[in-house]
Amino acid sequence: MAGLDFEKPIVELEKKIQELKTFISEKKIDLSSEVKKLEDRLEHLRKDTYHNLSAWQKVQLARHPLRPYTLDYINMIMSDFVELHGDRLFSDDKAMICGLAKLDKRKVVVIGHQKGRDTKENLKRNFGCAHPEGYRKALRVMQLAEEFQLPVVVFIDTPGAYPGIGAEERGQSHAIALNLREMMCISVPIMAIVIGEGGSGGALGVGVADRVAVLENSYYSVISPEGCAAILWKDGAKAPLAAEVLKLTGPDLLKMGIIDEVIPEPLGGAHRDPAKIAQNIKEVLTRNFKELEELDKDALLKLRYKKFRGIGVTG
């Protein structure tokens, strides 16, 4: 598995252990004590690295190409998924997944940004950057959820809404603004989870929820570190500094009241054990929906409004 820059010592040691195991298997030699020493060293190196990640390193993990995406989580924790297409105005945006599914016995509507695994799929999915029709499709499906009184699951994973000329011509800012207003009034429980990148209005356009959670190695920010560095310091190389200043990782977001929960990931990131992180997400969804479904419509909407009005309030 190819690693990020700061993971190179770990990847090299993993490779060395694998080579030694292959050598032992081929030569029928007992070197188990040597393997054990290397594995202990690897475990110590992993803990030392991943328990002390900087904000920039977490941003890098959030963008890891092997990290599970929306469709991966749908397949791992839900059943009977039926995808719904189109905004009924322009086209179907493949960067935004929408559909019906079951979370155990609970029927839900699920929405999420979807990236691609290779160049061809990334072009199809527009690198997870939704157009206006993606946000309009999401709103259409959320209104369908309200009509049938189904809770809504939102998976956020985007560097931002697509800023191209076509998107602007078709009303990108209006589509996002409309979602912000309308999601505040959708009278069913909404649970949003940032599973990777949570960039700017592209994330918030489907992020107005009763409960917002962030995976341990994800980020949620008004702007990307690179964009912030380019604006403040006119130097994209200062992205690591910008990541620290933006306070975009789980613990800082939780402290500021922007999110409600940080979901722990397996050591090394979600891609190291997708089944484990999927189970963690499922438990969070189930617990929160159980609590939210006990509230009546008026109480649910009042608490959602209070939650977002309270962000940024100090003292």
C-alpha atoms as a PDB file:
ATOM      1  CA  MET A   1       0.000   0.000   0.000  1.00  0.00           C
ATOM      2  CA  ALA A   2       1.503   3.354  -1.067  1.00  0.00           C
ATOM      3  CA  GLY A   3       1.780   5.735   1.851  1.00  0.00           C
ATOM      4  CA  LEU A   4       1.737   9.477   2.338  1.00  0.00           C
ATOM      5  CA  ASP A   5       5.038  11.298   2.902  1.00  0.00           C
ATOM      6  CA  PHE A   6       4.845  11.083   6.681  1.00  0.00           C
ATOM      7  CA  GLU A   7       3.928   7.388   6.442  1.00  0.00           C
ATOM      8  CA  LYS A   8       7.029   6.337   4.496  1.00  0.00           C
ATOM      9  CA  PRO A   9       8.904   4.883   7.525  1.00  0.00           C
ATOM     10  CA  ILE A  10       5.811   2.802   8.335  1.00  0.00           C
ATOM     11  CA  VAL A  11       5.384   1.597   4.751  1.00  0.00           C
ATOM     12  CA  GLU A  12       9.059   0.679   4.478  1.00  0.00           C
ATOM     13  CA  LEU A  13       8.942  -1.317   7.713  1.00  0.00           C
ATOM     14  CA  GLU A  14       5.747  -3.087   6.618  1.00  0.00           C
ATOM     15  CA  LYS A  15       7.467  -4.002   3.352  1.00  0.00           C
ATOM     16  CA  LYS A  16      10.514  -5.318   5.204  1.00  0.00           C
ATOM     17  CA  ILE A  17       8.336  -7.510   7.451  1.00  0.00           C
ATOM     18  CA  GLN A  18       6.467  -8.902   4.465  1.00  0.00           C
ATOM     19  CA  GLU A  19       9.720  -9.660   2.651  1.00  0.00           C
ATOM     20  CA  LEU A  20      11.062 -11.447   5.726  1.00  0.00           C
ATOM     21  CA  LYS A  21       7.880 -13.532   6.037  1.00  0.00           C
ATOM     22  CA  THR A  22       8.137 -14.487   2.368  1.00  0.00           C
ATOM     23  CA  PHE A  23      11.791 -15.458   2.843  1.00  0.00           C
ATOM     24  CA  ILE A  24      10.898 -17.596   5.882  1.00  0.00           C
ATOM     25  CA  SER A  25       8.126 -19.319   3.967  1.00  0.00           C
ATOM     26  CA  GLU A  26      10.363 -20.098   1.000  1.00  0.00           C
ATOM     27  CA  LYS A  27      13.435 -21.201   2.953  1.00  0.00           C
ATOM     28  CA  LYS A  28      11.584 -22.937   5.789  1.00  0.00           C
ATOM     29  CA  ILE A  29      13.692 -21.098   8.375  1.00  0.00           C
ATOM     30  CA  ASP A  30      12.471 -20.162  11.850  1.00  0.00           C
ATOM     31  CA  LEU A  31      13.005 -16.426  12.277  1.00  0.00           C
ATOM     32  CA  SER A  32       9.847 -15.789  14.266  1.00  0.00           C
ATOM     33  CA  SER A  33      11.725 -13.881  16.974  1.00  0.00           C
ATOM     34  CA  GLU A  34      13.067 -11.432  14.380  1.00  0.00           C
ATOM     35  CA  VAL A  35       9.602 -10.981  12.894  1.00  0.00           C
ATOM     36  CA  LYS A  36       8.187 -10.343  16.365  1.00  0.00           C
ATOM     37  CA  LYS A  37      10.793  -7.641  17.053  1.00  0.00           C
ATOM     38  CA  LEU A  38      10.002  -5.909  13.781  1.00  0.00           C
ATOM     39  CA  GLU A  39       6.245  -6.145  14.370  1.00  0.00           C
ATOM     40  CA  ASP A  40       6.629  -4.652  17.858  1.00  0.00           C
ATOM     41  CA  ARG A  41       8.727  -1.871  16.366  1.00  0.00           C
ATOM     42  CA  LEU A  42       6.077  -1.306  13.684  1.00  0.00           C
ATOM     43  CA  GLU A  43       3.279  -1.109  16.266  1.00  0.00           C
ATOM     44  CA  HIS A  44       5.239   1.445  18.289  1.00  0.00           C
ATOM     45  CA  LEU A  45       5.974   3.482  15.144  1.00  0.00           C
ATOM     46  CA  ARG A  46       2.322   3.461  14.103  1.00  0.00           C
ATOM     47  CA  LYS A  47       1.118   4.658  17.503  1.00  0.00           C
ATOM     48  CA  ASP A  48       3.805   7.316  17.709  1.00  0.00           C
ATOM     49  CA  THR A  49       2.899   8.585  14.227  1.00  0.00           C
ATOM     50  CA  TYR A  50      -0.902   8.432  14.195  1.00  0.00           C
ATOM     51  CA  HIS A  51      -1.480   9.587  17.773  1.00  0.00           C
ATOM     52  CA  ASN A  52       0.453  12.799  17.063  1.00  0.00           C
ATOM     53  CA  LEU A  53      -0.835  13.892  13.674  1.00  0.00           C
ATOM     54  CA  SER A  54      -0.763  17.562  12.747  1.00  0.00           C
ATOM     55  CA  ALA A  55      -3.815  19.219  11.200  1.00  0.00           C
ATOM     56  CA  TRP A  56      -2.142  19.096   7.770  1.00  0.00           C
ATOM     57  CA  GLN A  57      -1.414  15.394   8.107  1.00  0.00           C
ATOM     58  CA  LYS A  58      -5.084  14.781   8.931  1.00  0.00           C
ATOM     59  CA  VAL A  59      -6.044  16.732   5.819  1.00  0.00           C
ATOM     60  CA  GLN A  60      -3.773  14.437   3.813  1.00  0.00           C
ATOM     61  CA  LEU A  61      -5.427  11.361   5.335  1.00  0.00           C
ATOM     62  CA  ALA A  62      -8.871  12.836   4.590  1.00  0.00           C
ATOM     63  CA  ARG A  63      -7.824  12.908   0.921  1.00  0.00           C
ATOM     64  CA  HIS A  64      -6.263   9.439   0.860  1.00  0.00           C
ATOM     65  CA  PRO A  65      -7.236   7.745  -2.443  1.00  0.00           C
ATOM     66  CA  LEU A  66      -8.042   4.451  -0.693  1.00  0.00           C
ATOM     67  CA  ARG A  67     -10.335   6.033   1.887  1.00  0.00           C
ATOM     68  CA  PRO A  68     -13.927   4.669   1.783  1.00  0.00           C
ATOM     69  CA  TYR A  69     -16.415   6.846  -0.089  1.00  0.00           C
ATOM     70  CA  THR A  70     -20.194   7.277   0.185  1.00  0.00           C
ATOM     71  CA  LEU A  71     -21.110   4.236  -1.927  1.00  0.00           C
ATOM     72  CA  ASP A  72     -18.663   2.105   0.081  1.00  0.00           C
ATOM     73  CA  TYR A  73     -20.400   3.017   3.336  1.00  0.00           C
ATOM     74  CA  ILE A  74     -23.847   2.517   1.822  1.00  0.00           C
ATOM     75  CA  ASN A  75     -22.837  -0.989   0.748  1.00  0.00           C
ATOM     76  CA  MET A  76     -21.244  -1.801   4.114  1.00  0.00           C
ATOM     77  CA  ILE A  77     -23.886  -0.533   6.551  1.00  0.00           C
ATOM     78  CA  MET A  78     -27.147  -0.382   4.586  1.00  0.00           C
ATOM     79  CA  SER A  79     -29.289  -2.712   2.523  1.00  0.00           C
ATOM     80  CA  ASP A  80     -31.863  -2.475  -0.274  1.00  0.00           C
ATOM     81  CA  PHE A  81     -30.302   0.708  -1.674  1.00  0.00           C
ATOM     82  CA  VAL A  82     -32.210   2.231  -4.596  1.00  0.00           C
ATOM     83  CA  GLU A  83     -30.545   5.239  -6.211  1.00  0.00           C
ATOM     84  CA  LEU A  84     -32.696   8.176  -7.319  1.00  0.00           C
ATOM     85  CA  HIS A  85     -31.533  10.355 -10.199  1.00  0.00           C
ATOM     86  CA  GLY A  86     -31.984  13.877 -11.508  1.00  0.00           C
ATOM     87  CA  ASP A  87     -33.110  17.264 -10.237  1.00  0.00           C
ATOM     88  CA  ARG A  88     -36.102  17.422 -12.636  1.00  0.00           C
ATOM     89  CA  LEU A  89     -34.675  20.675 -14.013  1.00  0.00           C
ATOM     90  CA  PHE A  90     -31.396  20.022 -15.828  1.00  0.00           C
ATOM     91  CA  SER A  91     -29.632  16.669 -15.377  1.00  0.00           C
ATOM     92  CA  ASP A  92     -28.329  14.021 -13.004  1.00  0.00           C
ATOM     93  CA  ASP A  93     -25.192  15.054 -11.106  1.00  0.00           C
ATOM     94  CA  LYS A  94     -23.079  11.959 -10.478  1.00  0.00           C
ATOM     95  CA  ALA A  95     -20.991  13.763  -7.851  1.00  0.00           C
ATOM     96  CA  MET A  96     -24.031  13.621  -5.555  1.00  0.00           C
ATOM     97  CA  ILE A  97     -25.503  10.217  -4.641  1.00  0.00           C
ATOM     98  CA  CYS A  98     -29.137  10.133  -3.496  1.00  0.00           C
ATOM     99  CA  GLY A  99     -31.439   7.239  -2.758  1.00  0.00           C
ATOM    100  CA  LEU A 100     -33.522   5.075  -0.450  1.00  0.00           C
ATOM    101  CA  ALA A 101     -32.096   2.366   1.781  1.00  0.00           C
ATOM    102  CA  LYS A 102     -32.503   0.458   5.025  1.00  0.00           C
ATOM    103  CA  LEU A 103     -30.336   0.897   8.110  1.00  0.00           C
ATOM    104  CA  ASP A 104     -31.144  -2.436   9.733  1.00  0.00           C
ATOM    105  CA  LYS A 105     -34.964  -2.237   9.893  1.00  0.00           C
ATOM    106  CA  ARG A 106     -35.083   1.564   9.724  1.00  0.00           C
ATOM    107  CA  LYS A 107     -35.979   2.987   6.291  1.00  0.00           C
ATOM    108  CA  VAL A 108     -33.834   6.019   5.466  1.00  0.00           C
ATOM    109  CA  VAL A 109     -32.990   8.450   2.714  1.00  0.00           C
ATOM    110  CA  VAL A 110     -29.257   8.657   2.052  1.00  0.00           C
ATOM    111  CA  ILE A 111     -27.355  11.475   0.360  1.00  0.00           C
ATOM    112  CA  GLY A 112     -23.629  11.924  -0.162  1.00  0.00           C
ATOM    113  CA  HIS A 113     -20.792  13.254  -2.263  1.00  0.00           C
ATOM    114  CA  GLN A 114     -19.066  10.596  -4.358  1.00  0.00           C
ATOM    115  CA  LYS A 115     -15.476  10.710  -5.625  1.00  0.00           C
ATOM    116  CA  GLY A 116     -13.841   8.334  -8.093  1.00  0.00           C
ATOM    117  CA  ARG A 117     -11.055   5.780  -7.677  1.00  0.00           C
ATOM    118  CA  ASP A 118      -9.309   6.468 -10.985  1.00  0.00           C
ATOM    119  CA  THR A 119      -9.113   9.254 -13.554  1.00  0.00           C
ATOM    120  CA  LYS A 120     -12.053   7.968 -15.605  1.00  0.00           C
ATOM    121  CA  GLU A 121     -14.355   7.673 -12.589  1.00  0.00           C
ATOM    122  CA  ASN A 122     -13.164  10.985 -11.136  1.00  0.00           C
ATOM    123  CA  LEU A 123     -14.116  12.716 -14.375  1.00  0.00           C
ATOM    124  CA  LYS A 124     -17.511  11.034 -14.187  1.00  0.00           C
ATOM    125  CA  ARG A 125     -17.938  12.047 -10.530  1.00  0.00           C
ATOM    126  CA  ASN A 126     -16.301  15.457 -11.063  1.00  0.00           C
ATOM    127  CA  PHE A 127     -13.880  14.702  -8.206  1.00  0.00           C
ATOM    128  CA  GLY A 128     -16.768  14.891  -5.726  1.00  0.00           C
ATOM    129  CA  CYS A 129     -17.530  18.532  -6.601  1.00  0.00           C
ATOM    130  CA  ALA A 130     -21.284  18.865  -7.119  1.00  0.00           C
ATOM    131  CA  HIS A 131     -23.007  21.151  -9.632  1.00  0.00           C
ATOM    132  CA  PRO A 132     -26.236  23.059  -8.855  1.00  0.00           C
ATOM    133  CA  GLU A 133     -28.264  20.109 -10.132  1.00  0.00           C
ATOM    134  CA  GLY A 134     -26.574  17.940  -7.483  1.00  0.00           C
ATOM    135  CA  TYR A 135     -27.766  20.209  -4.676  1.00  0.00           C
ATOM    136  CA  ARG A 136     -31.217  20.476  -6.230  1.00  0.00           C
ATOM    137  CA  LYS A 137     -31.388  16.684  -6.499  1.00  0.00           C
ATOM    138  CA  ALA A 138     -30.399  16.392  -2.841  1.00  0.00           C
ATOM    139  CA  LEU A 139     -33.120  18.847  -1.813  1.00  0.00           C
ATOM    140  CA  ARG A 140     -35.711  17.042  -3.944  1.00  0.00           C
ATOM    141  CA  VAL A 141     -34.882  13.765  -2.241  1.00  0.00           C
ATOM    142  CA  MET A 142     -34.899  15.356   1.241  1.00  0.00           C
ATOM    143  CA  GLN A 143     -38.365  16.751   0.553  1.00  0.00           C
ATOM    144  CA  LEU A 144     -39.371  13.240  -0.480  1.00  0.00           C
ATOM    145  CA  ALA A 145     -38.019  12.025   2.860  1.00  0.00           C
ATOM    146  CA  GLU A 146     -40.184  14.590   4.634  1.00  0.00           C
ATOM    147  CA  GLU A 147     -43.252  13.510   2.689  1.00  0.00           C
ATOM    148  CA  PHE A 148     -42.788   9.890   3.773  1.00  0.00           C
ATOM    149  CA  GLN A 149     -41.343  10.756   7.213  1.00  0.00           C
ATOM    150  CA  LEU A 150     -37.998   9.042   6.667  1.00  0.00           C
ATOM    151  CA  PRO A 151     -34.812  10.119   8.492  1.00  0.00           C
ATOM    152  CA  VAL A 152     -31.975  11.453   6.332  1.00  0.00           C
ATOM    153  CA  VAL A 153     -28.330  10.304   6.347  1.00  0.00           C
ATOM    154  CA  VAL A 154     -25.799  12.647   4.710  1.00  0.00           C
ATOM    155  CA  PHE A 155     -22.208  11.661   3.914  1.00  0.00           C
ATOM    156  CA  ILE A 156     -20.042  14.733   3.281  1.00  0.00           C
ATOM    157  CA  ASP A 157     -16.860  14.336   1.244  1.00  0.00           C
ATOM    158  CA  THR A 158     -16.021  17.185  -1.109  1.00  0.00           C
ATOM    159  CA  PRO A 159     -13.259  19.757  -1.579  1.00  0.00           C
ATOM    160  CA  GLY A 160     -16.059  22.199  -2.449  1.00  0.00           C
ATOM    161  CA  ALA A 161     -18.901  22.879  -4.863  1.00  0.00           C
ATOM    162  CA  TYR A 162     -17.842  22.995  -8.520  1.00  0.00           C
ATOM    163  CA  PRO A 163     -16.828  26.598  -9.387  1.00  0.00           C
ATOM    164  CA  GLY A 164     -16.955  26.319 -13.177  1.00  0.00           C
ATOM    165  CA  ILE A 165     -18.707  28.754 -15.524  1.00  0.00           C
ATOM    166  CA  GLY A 166     -21.538  26.328 -16.307  1.00  0.00           C
ATOM    167  CA  ALA A 167     -22.244  25.749 -12.631  1.00  0.00           C
ATOM    168  CA  GLU A 168     -22.310  29.488 -11.949  1.00  0.00           C
ATOM    169  CA  GLU A 169     -24.574  30.079 -14.946  1.00  0.00           C
ATOM    170  CA  ARG A 170     -27.032  27.492 -13.619  1.00  0.00           C
ATOM    171  CA  GLY A 171     -27.156  29.111 -10.174  1.00  0.00           C
ATOM    172  CA  GLN A 172     -24.610  27.388  -7.941  1.00  0.00           C
ATOM    173  CA  SER A 173     -24.796  29.922  -5.112  1.00  0.00           C
ATOM    174  CA  HIS A 174     -28.602  30.025  -5.278  1.00  0.00           C
ATOM    175  CA  ALA A 175     -28.867  26.232  -5.141  1.00  0.00           C
ATOM    176  CA  ILE A 176     -26.662  26.048  -2.037  1.00  0.00           C
ATOM    177  CA  ALA A 177     -28.403  28.992  -0.347  1.00  0.00           C
ATOM    178  CA  LEU A 178     -31.790  27.399  -1.027  1.00  0.00           C
ATOM    179  CA  ASN A 179     -30.633  24.153   0.561  1.00  0.00           C
ATOM    180  CA  LEU A 180     -29.432  26.003   3.672  1.00  0.00           C
ATOM    181  CA  ARG A 181     -32.846  27.589   4.083  1.00  0.00           C
ATOM    182  CA  GLU A 182     -34.935  24.553   3.247  1.00  0.00           C
ATOM    183  CA  MET A 183     -32.911  22.040   5.272  1.00  0.00           C
ATOM    184  CA  MET A 184     -33.571  24.143   8.349  1.00  0.00           C
ATOM    185  CA  CYS A 185     -37.280  23.346   7.855  1.00  0.00           C
ATOM    186  CA  ILE A 186     -37.201  19.663   6.821  1.00  0.00           C
ATOM    187  CA  SER A 187     -39.293  18.052   9.585  1.00  0.00           C
ATOM    188  CA  VAL A 188     -37.482  14.698   9.832  1.00  0.00           C
ATOM    189  CA  PRO A 189     -34.240  13.827  11.672  1.00  0.00           C
ATOM    190  CA  ILE A 190     -31.090  14.614   9.660  1.00  0.00           C
ATOM    191  CA  MET A 191     -27.694  13.161  10.540  1.00  0.00           C
ATOM    192  CA  ALA A 192     -24.595  14.370   8.659  1.00  0.00           C
ATOM    193  CA  ILE A 193     -21.173  12.735   8.808  1.00  0.00           C
ATOM    194  CA  VAL A 194     -18.008  14.189   7.287  1.00  0.00           C
ATOM    195  CA  ILE A 195     -16.218  11.079   5.986  1.00  0.00           C
ATOM    196  CA  GLY A 196     -13.332  12.814   4.213  1.00  0.00           C
ATOM    197  CA  GLU A 197     -13.143  16.390   3.021  1.00  0.00           C
ATOM    198  CA  GLY A 198     -15.688  18.916   4.232  1.00  0.00           C
ATOM    199  CA  GLY A 199     -14.934  21.900   2.048  1.00  0.00           C
ATOM    200  CA  SER A 200     -16.747  25.232   2.150  1.00  0.00           C
ATOM    201  CA  GLY A 201     -20.321  25.729   0.906  1.00  0.00           C
ATOM    202  CA  GLY A 202     -20.039  22.515  -1.065  1.00  0.00           C
ATOM    203  CA  ALA A 203     -20.149  20.644   2.229  1.00  0.00           C
ATOM    204  CA  LEU A 204     -22.566  22.936   4.046  1.00  0.00           C
ATOM    205  CA  GLY A 205     -25.015  22.746   1.127  1.00  0.00           C
ATOM    206  CA  VAL A 206     -26.084  19.331   2.456  1.00  0.00           C
ATOM    207  CA  GLY A 207     -24.760  19.812   5.997  1.00  0.00           C
ATOM    208  CA  VAL A 208     -27.624  21.497   7.864  1.00  0.00           C
ATOM    209  CA  ALA A 209     -28.415  18.616  10.205  1.00  0.00           C
ATOM    210  CA  ASP A 210     -29.667  17.905  13.719  1.00  0.00           C
ATOM    211  CA  ARG A 211     -26.413  16.134  14.498  1.00  0.00           C
ATOM    212  CA  VAL A 212     -23.087  16.586  12.684  1.00  0.00           C
ATOM    213  CA  ALA A 213     -20.231  14.146  13.224  1.00  0.00           C
ATOM    214  CA  VAL A 214     -16.721  14.118  11.771  1.00  0.00           C
ATOM    215  CA  LEU A 215     -14.463  11.107  11.307  1.00  0.00           C
ATOM    216  CA  GLU A 216     -11.238  11.379  13.290  1.00  0.00           C
ATOM    217  CA  ASN A 217      -9.073  12.005  10.215  1.00  0.00           C
ATOM    218  CA  SER A 218     -11.495  14.197   8.278  1.00  0.00           C
ATOM    219  CA  TYR A 219     -11.754  17.960   8.125  1.00  0.00           C
ATOM    220  CA  TYR A 220     -14.589  20.504   7.942  1.00  0.00           C
ATOM    221  CA  SER A 221     -13.669  24.034   6.919  1.00  0.00           C
ATOM    222  CA  VAL A 222     -14.835  27.242   5.267  1.00  0.00           C
ATOM    223  CA  ILE A 223     -11.926  26.956   2.820  1.00  0.00           C
ATOM    224  CA  SER A 224      -9.186  24.491   1.911  1.00  0.00           C
ATOM    225  CA  PRO A 225      -5.764  25.001   3.541  1.00  0.00           C
ATOM    226  CA  GLU A 226      -4.276  25.705   0.099  1.00  0.00           C
ATOM    227  CA  GLY A 227      -6.930  28.324  -0.662  1.00  0.00           C
ATOM    228  CA  CYS A 228      -6.461  29.968   2.710  1.00  0.00           C
ATOM    229  CA  ALA A 229      -2.676  30.069   2.269  1.00  0.00           C
ATOM    230  CA  ALA A 230      -3.017  31.598  -1.185  1.00  0.00           C
ATOM    231  CA  ILE A 231      -5.289  34.359   0.130  1.00  0.00           C
ATOM    232  CA  LEU A 232      -3.568  35.191   3.419  1.00  0.00           C
ATOM    233  CA  TRP A 233       0.086  34.635   2.525  1.00  0.00           C
ATOM    234  CA  LYS A 234       0.023  34.544  -1.295  1.00  0.00           C
ATOM    235  CA  ASP A 235       1.875  31.258  -0.933  1.00  0.00           C
ATOM    236  CA  GLY A 236       0.269  27.837  -1.364  1.00  0.00           C
ATOM    237  CA  ALA A 237       3.293  26.242   0.332  1.00  0.00           C
ATOM    238  CA  LYS A 238       2.000  27.602   3.635  1.00  0.00           C
ATOM    239  CA  ALA A 239      -0.952  25.175   3.525  1.00  0.00           C
ATOM    240  CA  PRO A 240       0.296  23.265   6.625  1.00  0.00           C
ATOM    241  CA  LEU A 241       0.277  26.527   8.606  1.00  0.00           C
ATOM    242  CA  ALA A 242      -3.169  27.393   7.262  1.00  0.00           C
ATOM    243  CA  ALA A 243      -4.480  23.982   8.346  1.00  0.00           C
ATOM    244  CA  GLU A 244      -3.399  24.709  11.921  1.00  0.00           C
ATOM    245  CA  VAL A 245      -4.878  28.222  11.904  1.00  0.00           C
ATOM    246  CA  LEU A 246      -8.223  27.121  10.421  1.00  0.00           C
ATOM    247  CA  LYS A 247      -8.963  24.736  13.337  1.00  0.00           C
ATOM    248  CA  LEU A 248     -10.542  22.306  10.896  1.00  0.00           C
ATOM    249  CA  THR A 249     -10.072  18.954  12.646  1.00  0.00           C
ATOM    250  CA  GLY A 250     -12.480  17.100  14.915  1.00  0.00           C
ATOM    251  CA  PRO A 251     -11.274  18.167  18.386  1.00  0.00           C
ATOM    252  CA  ASP A 252     -11.227  21.883  17.499  1.00  0.00           C
ATOM    253  CA  LEU A 253     -14.588  21.684  15.730  1.00  0.00           C
ATOM    254  CA  LEU A 254     -16.074  19.940  18.746  1.00  0.00           C
ATOM    255  CA  LYS A 255     -14.644  22.546  21.126  1.00  0.00           C
ATOM    256  CA  MET A 256     -16.189  25.353  19.050  1.00  0.00           C
ATOM    257  CA  GLY A 257     -19.602  23.664  18.936  1.00  0.00           C
ATOM    258  CA  ILE A 258     -19.568  23.285  15.149  1.00  0.00           C
ATOM    259  CA  ILE A 259     -19.940  19.497  15.337  1.00  0.00           C
ATOM    260  CA  ASP A 260     -21.481  17.161  17.890  1.00  0.00           C
ATOM    261  CA  GLU A 261     -19.175  14.160  17.791  1.00  0.00           C
ATOM    262  CA  VAL A 262     -15.832  12.831  16.576  1.00  0.00           C
ATOM    263  CA  ILE A 263     -15.981   9.234  15.331  1.00  0.00           C
ATOM    264  CA  PRO A 264     -12.743   7.312  16.018  1.00  0.00           C
ATOM    265  CA  GLU A 265     -10.961   5.663  13.102  1.00  0.00           C
ATOM    266  CA  PRO A 266      -8.750   2.567  13.031  1.00  0.00           C
ATOM    267  CA  LEU A 267      -5.064   3.313  13.614  1.00  0.00           C
ATOM    268  CA  GLY A 268      -3.711   4.683  10.337  1.00  0.00           C
ATOM    269  CA  GLY A 269      -7.022   5.857   8.928  1.00  0.00           C
ATOM    270  CA  ALA A 270     -10.376   4.565   7.714  1.00  0.00           C
ATOM    271  CA  HIS A 271      -8.814   2.822   4.699  1.00  0.00           C
ATOM    272  CA  ARG A 272      -6.819   0.535   7.020  1.00  0.00           C
ATOM    273  CA  ASP A 273      -9.975  -1.178   8.278  1.00  0.00           C
ATOM    274  CA  PRO A 274     -13.095  -0.088   6.331  1.00  0.00           C
ATOM    275  CA  ALA A 275     -15.323  -2.654   8.066  1.00  0.00           C
ATOM    276  CA  LYS A 276     -14.409  -1.277  11.499  1.00  0.00           C
ATOM    277  CA  ILE A 277     -15.062   2.376  10.642  1.00  0.00           C
ATOM    278  CA  ALA A 278     -18.303   1.386   8.897  1.00  0.00           C
ATOM    279  CA  GLN A 279     -19.441  -0.315  12.115  1.00  0.00           C
ATOM    280  CA  ASN A 280     -18.513   2.800  14.127  1.00  0.00           C
ATOM    281  CA  ILE A 281     -20.574   4.964  11.767  1.00  0.00           C
ATOM    282  CA  LYS A 282     -23.529   2.597  11.918  1.00  0.00           C
ATOM    283  CA  GLU A 283     -23.530   2.692  15.713  1.00  0.00           C
ATOM    284  CA  VAL A 284     -23.431   6.517  15.695  1.00  0.00           C
ATOM    285  CA  LEU A 285     -26.306   6.728  13.195  1.00  0.00           C
ATOM    286  CA  THR A 286     -28.446   4.242  15.084  1.00  0.00           C
ATOM    287  CA  ARG A 287     -27.876   5.932  18.457  1.00  0.00           C
ATOM    288  CA  ASN A 288     -28.580   9.435  17.184  1.00  0.00           C
ATOM    289  CA  PHE A 289     -31.678   8.507  15.202  1.00  0.00           C
ATOM    290  CA  LYS A 290     -33.076   6.722  18.242  1.00  0.00           C
ATOM    291  CA  GLU A 291     -32.689   9.938  20.251  1.00  0.00           C
ATOM    292  CA  LEU A 292     -33.956  12.282  17.522  1.00  0.00           C
ATOM    293  CA  GLU A 293     -37.018  10.190  16.689  1.00  0.00           C
ATOM    294  CA  GLU A 294     -38.285  10.718  20.242  1.00  0.00           C
ATOM    295  CA  LEU A 295     -38.693  14.451  19.526  1.00  0.00           C
ATOM    296  CA  ASP A 296     -41.848  15.860  17.976  1.00  0.00           C
ATOM    297  CA  LYS A 297     -41.628  17.977  14.814  1.00  0.00           C
ATOM    298  CA  ASP A 298     -41.630  21.374  16.560  1.00  0.00           C
ATOM    299  CA  ALA A 299     -38.974  20.387  19.108  1.00  0.00           C
ATOM    300  CA  LEU A 300     -36.776  18.909  16.388  1.00  0.00           C
ATOM    301  CA  LEU A 301     -36.862  22.071  14.267  1.00  0.00           C
ATOM    302  CA  LYS A 302     -36.352  24.397  17.242  1.00  0.00           C
ATOM    303  CA  LEU A 303     -33.273  22.482  18.367  1.00  0.00           C
ATOM    304  CA  ARG A 304     -31.847  22.437  14.835  1.00  0.00           C
ATOM    305  CA  TYR A 305     -32.345  26.206  14.520  1.00  0.00           C
ATOM    306  CA  LYS A 306     -30.817  26.815  17.954  1.00  0.00           C
ATOM    307  CA  LYS A 307     -27.832  24.629  17.092  1.00  0.00           C
ATOM    308  CA  PHE A 308     -26.838  26.647  14.030  1.00  0.00           C
ATOM    309  CA  ARG A 309     -27.704  30.038  15.542  1.00  0.00           C
ATOM    310  CA  GLY A 310     -25.371  29.189  18.427  1.00  0.00           C
ATOM    311  CA  ILE A 311     -22.278  28.519  16.289  1.00  0.00           C
ATOM    312  CA  GLY A 312     -19.712  31.254  16.839  1.00  0.00           C
ATOM    313  CA  VAL A 313     -21.417  32.670  19.911  1.00  0.00           C
ATOM    314  CA  THR A 314     -18.984  33.162  22.795  1.00  0.00           C
ATOM    315  CA  GLY A 315     -19.433  34.157  26.413  1.00  0.00           C
END
